[in-house]
Amino acid sequence: MPPLRTALLQSSGSPGDVPGNLRVLDEAARRAAAAGARLLLTPELFLTGYAVGDALPELAEPADGPSAERIAKTAAEHGIAIGCGYPERDGDRLYNAVRLTGPDGGTLAGYRKTHLFGDFEQGWFTPGDTPVVQAVLDGTRLGLLVCYDVEFPENVRAHALAGTELLLVPTALMRPYEFVAHTLLPARAYESQLHIAYANRCGPEGDFHFAGLSCLAAPDGTVRARAGLTEDLLVTEADPAVVVASRAETAYLDDRRPELYGSLARS
């Protein structure tokens, strides 16, 4: 199975400007596809911006809303899958979500963030209740989490046990938590033996200052690509063969003793 060429968009777009962010996404998809990428991942809440405050309910859309239709057209036009972070409206509830659209414009998967970070998210969003959501693209099994979710080792290990090879994580990592991108992400990839694509926002936005440092961490503990602090489009490869080799060399998954871990599921 060939490596999956993957693009990570590091950008905060224009908070509150959905049409403008869709244009940024379209241009990123064009550039990524021209570089041979089959998958483009955006940061958390890229569609609307993160620090939009009371405008959030008005900006949120259903999973099959008008922006989803526009993203489907972008994906099909450029022949690239797109994982886009957005606020999802479902009845009276809002979810911090990511929707994965296939290169033909069809829906591959949708995931709602299960672990909400801080007063802003906990005040506006309902936590999702499905821990493992997956899809297959060009033979590679993809998984979805959002930002804070990846900081819980149980989440990543659940994906590894379910066969995820490339874990997609739209994120909004803030300063001064750069150690998450520098240290925790490579450790998560290594301990659970999978690739992690981590696409972050960057720069100041309202009361927040986002850290950038988007990366692709590999199951052998290396970082295959790393952005700086400003807007960027990383294009790199996630190779399923590296997953196989790493799991053979470092047998964490095979050497587990689940009968000893029951206390981890008790509060």
Protein backbone atom coordinates (compact mmCIF):
# COMPACT_ATOMS: atom_id res chain seq x y z
CA MET A 1 0.00 0.00 0.00
CA PRO A 2 1.57 3.36 -1.00
CA PRO A 3 2.06 6.21 1.48
CA LEU A 4 -0.84 8.62 1.84
CA ARG A 5 0.34 12.09 0.86
CA THR A 6 -1.20 14.42 3.43
CA ALA A 7 -1.43 18.20 3.72
CA LEU A 8 -1.85 20.13 6.98
CA LEU A 9 -3.21 23.68 6.79
CA GLN A 10 -1.87 25.89 9.58
CA SER A 11 -4.05 28.98 9.58
CA SER A 12 -6.68 30.77 11.64
CA GLY A 13 -8.37 32.13 8.54
CA SER A 14 -10.64 35.09 9.31
CA PRO A 15 -12.70 34.52 12.48
CA GLY A 16 -16.39 35.11 11.83
CA ASP A 17 -15.98 35.15 8.04
CA VAL A 18 -17.27 31.79 6.79
CA PRO A 19 -17.21 32.69 3.07
CA GLY A 20 -13.67 34.00 3.45
CA ASN A 21 -12.54 30.84 5.22
CA LEU A 22 -14.09 28.70 2.51
CA ARG A 23 -12.02 30.63 -0.04
CA VAL A 24 -8.87 30.00 2.02
CA LEU A 25 -9.79 26.32 2.15
CA ASP A 26 -10.35 26.16 -1.60
CA GLU A 27 -6.93 27.71 -2.29
CA ALA A 28 -5.26 25.36 0.19
CA ALA A 29 -6.96 22.39 -1.46
CA ARG A 30 -5.75 23.56 -4.87
CA ARG A 31 -2.16 23.92 -3.65
CA ALA A 32 -2.23 20.63 -1.75
CA ALA A 33 -3.61 18.70 -4.72
CA ALA A 34 -1.00 20.28 -7.00
CA ALA A 35 1.64 18.94 -4.60
CA GLY A 36 0.19 15.45 -4.93
CA ALA A 37 -1.71 15.34 -1.63
CA ARG A 38 -4.79 13.14 -1.35
CA LEU A 39 -5.89 14.54 2.00
CA LEU A 40 -6.06 18.04 3.50
CA LEU A 41 -6.65 18.67 7.21
CA THR A 42 -7.66 22.05 8.68
CA PRO A 43 -7.40 23.29 12.28
CA GLU A 44 -10.17 23.07 14.87
CA LEU A 45 -13.24 25.24 14.11
CA PHE A 46 -11.57 26.48 10.93
CA LEU A 47 -14.86 27.18 9.18
CA THR A 48 -15.92 29.91 11.60
CA GLY A 49 -12.92 30.76 13.73
CA TYR A 50 -12.44 29.82 17.36
CA ALA A 51 -12.76 33.12 19.24
CA VAL A 52 -16.13 34.19 17.85
CA GLY A 53 -17.93 34.48 21.20
CA ASP A 54 -21.67 35.06 21.11
CA ALA A 55 -21.72 34.77 17.31
CA LEU A 56 -21.04 31.03 17.58
CA PRO A 57 -24.70 29.86 17.53
CA GLU A 58 -25.43 31.92 14.41
CA LEU A 59 -22.33 30.65 12.63
CA ALA A 60 -22.89 26.97 13.47
CA GLU A 61 -24.34 24.77 10.72
CA PRO A 62 -25.79 21.27 10.48
CA ALA A 63 -23.48 18.53 9.24
CA ASP A 64 -25.10 18.69 5.79
CA GLY A 65 -25.42 22.49 5.71
CA PRO A 66 -24.46 24.92 2.95
CA SER A 67 -20.78 25.02 3.92
CA ALA A 68 -20.61 21.23 3.81
CA GLU A 69 -22.00 21.39 0.28
CA ARG A 70 -19.38 23.96 -0.70
CA ILE A 71 -16.57 21.88 0.80
CA ALA A 72 -17.83 18.83 -1.08
CA LYS A 73 -17.56 20.79 -4.33
CA THR A 74 -14.05 21.91 -3.43
CA ALA A 75 -12.99 18.36 -2.64
CA ALA A 76 -14.42 17.00 -5.89
CA GLU A 77 -13.01 19.84 -7.98
CA HIS A 78 -9.47 19.27 -6.72
CA GLY A 79 -9.72 15.49 -6.18
CA ILE A 80 -8.66 15.67 -2.54
CA ALA A 81 -10.24 14.54 0.72
CA ILE A 82 -10.82 17.34 3.25
CA GLY A 83 -11.11 17.13 7.02
CA CYS A 84 -12.58 20.44 8.17
CA GLY A 85 -13.20 21.59 11.74
CA TYR A 86 -16.49 23.44 12.32
CA PRO A 87 -19.24 24.06 14.91
CA GLU A 88 -22.07 21.61 14.20
CA ARG A 89 -25.66 22.49 15.02
CA ASP A 90 -28.01 19.58 15.78
CA GLY A 91 -31.34 20.86 17.07
CA ASP A 92 -30.63 23.05 20.09
CA ARG A 93 -27.18 21.57 20.65
CA LEU A 94 -23.80 22.65 19.35
CA TYR A 95 -20.87 20.29 18.86
CA ASN A 96 -17.21 20.98 18.20
CA ALA A 97 -16.89 18.76 15.15
CA VAL A 98 -14.83 17.66 12.19
CA ARG A 99 -16.31 16.42 8.92
CA LEU A 100 -14.26 14.28 6.55
CA THR A 101 -15.24 14.66 2.90
CA GLY A 102 -13.91 12.28 0.26
CA PRO A 103 -12.09 13.28 -2.95
CA ASP A 104 -15.30 12.61 -4.85
CA GLY A 105 -17.28 15.01 -2.65
CA GLY A 106 -19.01 12.25 -0.68
CA THR A 107 -19.08 12.16 3.11
CA LEU A 108 -16.58 9.74 4.68
CA ALA A 109 -17.11 10.44 8.40
CA GLY A 110 -18.11 12.96 11.03
CA TYR A 111 -16.82 13.23 14.59
CA ARG A 112 -17.85 15.32 17.60
CA LYS A 113 -15.21 16.29 20.16
CA THR A 114 -15.62 14.16 23.29
CA HIS A 115 -13.36 16.07 25.72
CA LEU A 116 -14.11 19.80 25.88
CA PHE A 117 -11.36 22.18 26.99
CA GLY A 118 -11.92 25.18 29.24
CA ASP A 119 -14.84 27.46 30.04
CA PHE A 120 -15.40 28.60 26.45
CA GLU A 121 -15.93 25.12 25.01
CA GLN A 122 -17.73 23.73 28.05
CA GLY A 123 -20.07 26.71 28.02
CA TRP A 124 -21.08 26.44 24.36
CA PHE A 125 -20.68 22.83 23.27
CA THR A 126 -22.16 19.45 24.12
CA PRO A 127 -19.51 16.70 24.31
CA GLY A 128 -19.74 13.94 21.73
CA ASP A 129 -20.28 10.36 22.86
CA THR A 130 -18.62 8.29 20.12
CA PRO A 131 -14.94 7.75 20.94
CA VAL A 132 -13.75 6.03 17.76
CA VAL A 133 -14.81 7.23 14.32
CA GLN A 134 -12.95 5.90 11.27
CA ALA A 135 -12.89 5.97 7.49
CA VAL A 136 -10.71 4.46 4.77
CA LEU A 137 -8.96 6.55 2.11
CA ASP A 138 -6.79 4.93 -0.58
CA GLY A 139 -6.46 1.84 1.60
CA THR A 140 -5.30 3.75 4.72
CA ARG A 141 -7.52 3.58 7.81
CA LEU A 142 -8.09 7.08 9.16
CA GLY A 143 -9.35 8.06 12.60
CA LEU A 144 -10.71 11.37 13.91
CA LEU A 145 -10.17 13.26 17.17
CA VAL A 146 -10.22 17.00 17.97
CA CYS A 147 -7.48 18.85 19.88
CA TYR A 148 -7.80 18.10 23.65
CA ASP A 149 -9.03 14.57 22.83
CA VAL A 150 -5.53 13.52 21.76
CA GLU A 151 -4.09 14.47 25.15
CA PHE A 152 -5.90 11.49 26.70
CA PRO A 153 -3.87 8.33 26.03
CA GLU A 154 -7.00 6.19 26.27
CA ASN A 155 -8.44 7.89 23.17
CA VAL A 156 -5.39 7.25 21.03
CA ARG A 157 -4.95 3.69 22.26
CA ALA A 158 -8.61 2.96 21.44
CA HIS A 159 -7.90 4.07 17.87
CA ALA A 160 -4.78 1.92 17.66
CA LEU A 161 -6.70 -1.14 18.85
CA ALA A 162 -9.40 -0.42 16.26
CA GLY A 163 -6.79 -0.40 13.48
CA THR A 164 -6.35 3.33 12.86
CA GLU A 165 -3.15 4.01 10.92
CA LEU A 166 -3.41 7.80 10.53
CA LEU A 167 -5.15 9.80 13.26
CA LEU A 168 -6.41 13.20 12.10
CA VAL A 169 -6.51 15.87 14.82
CA PRO A 170 -7.72 19.39 13.98
CA THR A 171 -6.53 21.48 16.90
CA ALA A 172 -6.47 24.92 18.52
CA LEU A 173 -3.45 24.55 20.78
CA MET A 174 -2.79 27.74 22.69
CA ARG A 175 0.33 29.21 24.18
CA PRO A 176 2.00 28.38 26.59
CA TYR A 177 1.19 24.71 25.93
CA GLU A 178 3.70 24.21 23.11
CA PHE A 179 5.01 21.09 24.89
CA VAL A 180 1.90 19.27 23.67
CA ALA A 181 3.03 19.68 20.06
CA HIS A 182 6.73 19.20 20.79
CA THR A 183 6.64 16.31 23.26
CA LEU A 184 3.23 14.78 23.79
CA LEU A 185 2.27 14.23 20.14
CA PRO A 186 5.38 12.19 19.22
CA ALA A 187 4.94 10.21 22.44
CA ARG A 188 1.30 9.45 21.63
CA ALA A 189 2.24 8.32 18.12
CA TYR A 190 5.01 6.09 19.45
CA GLU A 191 3.15 4.53 22.38
CA SER A 192 0.13 3.64 20.22
CA GLN A 193 2.08 2.94 17.02
CA LEU A 194 0.25 5.12 14.52
CA HIS A 195 0.67 8.37 12.60
CA ILE A 196 -0.88 11.54 14.03
CA ALA A 197 -1.63 14.54 11.81
CA TYR A 198 -2.01 17.62 14.02
CA ALA A 199 -3.21 20.80 12.28
CA ASN A 200 -3.19 23.91 14.48
CA ARG A 201 -4.34 27.50 14.39
CA CYS A 202 -1.67 30.21 14.69
CA GLY A 203 -1.29 33.71 16.05
CA PRO A 204 -3.53 35.91 18.23
CA GLU A 205 -7.31 35.58 18.08
CA GLY A 206 -9.46 37.37 20.65
CA ASP A 207 -8.23 36.41 24.10
CA PHE A 208 -6.29 33.45 22.73
CA HIS A 209 -2.85 33.11 21.17
CA PHE A 210 -2.45 29.94 19.16
CA ALA A 211 0.87 28.12 19.07
CA GLY A 212 1.17 26.87 15.48
CA LEU A 213 3.68 23.96 15.39
CA SER A 214 1.42 21.70 13.29
CA CYS A 215 3.07 18.36 12.65
CA LEU A 216 2.89 14.81 11.44
CA ALA A 217 4.19 12.47 14.16
CA ALA A 218 5.12 8.94 13.09
CA PRO A 219 4.78 5.60 14.95
CA ASP A 220 8.55 5.32 15.26
CA GLY A 221 8.60 8.47 17.43
CA THR A 222 9.93 10.82 14.76
CA VAL A 223 8.27 13.98 13.49
CA ARG A 224 8.10 13.81 9.69
CA ALA A 225 7.09 17.45 9.20
CA ARG A 226 6.76 20.47 11.47
CA ALA A 227 5.40 23.98 10.87
CA GLY A 228 6.63 27.10 12.60
CA LEU A 229 4.56 29.83 14.23
CA THR A 230 2.94 31.40 11.17
CA GLU A 231 0.60 30.31 8.40
CA ASP A 232 1.82 27.32 6.44
CA LEU A 233 0.76 24.37 4.32
CA LEU A 234 2.73 21.24 5.18
CA VAL A 235 2.72 18.40 2.67
CA THR A 236 4.16 15.11 3.87
CA GLU A 237 3.47 11.37 3.81
CA ALA A 238 1.93 8.89 6.22
CA ASP A 239 3.24 5.45 5.29
CA PRO A 240 1.23 2.41 6.45
CA ALA A 241 4.39 0.32 6.05
CA VAL A 242 5.96 2.31 8.87
CA VAL A 243 2.99 1.41 11.08
CA VAL A 244 3.50 -2.28 10.36
CA ALA A 245 7.25 -2.10 10.95
CA SER A 246 6.92 -0.07 14.14
CA ARG A 247 4.32 -2.43 15.60
CA ALA A 248 6.60 -5.37 14.85
CA GLU A 249 9.63 -3.72 16.45
CA THR A 250 7.88 -2.21 19.47
CA ALA A 251 5.16 -4.63 20.57
CA TYR A 252 3.16 -2.42 22.94
CA LEU A 253 -0.16 -3.51 21.45
CA ASP A 254 0.67 -7.23 21.52
CA ASP A 255 2.21 -7.11 25.01
CA ARG A 256 -0.69 -5.37 26.69
CA ARG A 257 -2.37 -7.10 29.68
CA PRO A 258 -5.93 -5.73 29.64
CA GLU A 259 -6.93 -7.89 32.62
CA LEU A 260 -4.78 -5.62 34.80
CA TYR A 261 -6.25 -2.33 33.60
CA GLY A 262 -9.82 -2.49 34.90
CA SER A 263 -9.24 0.34 37.36
CA LEU A 264 -8.58 2.75 34.46
CA ALA A 265 -12.26 2.65 33.56
CA ARG A 266 -13.44 3.46 37.08
CA SER A 267 -13.78 7.04 38.27
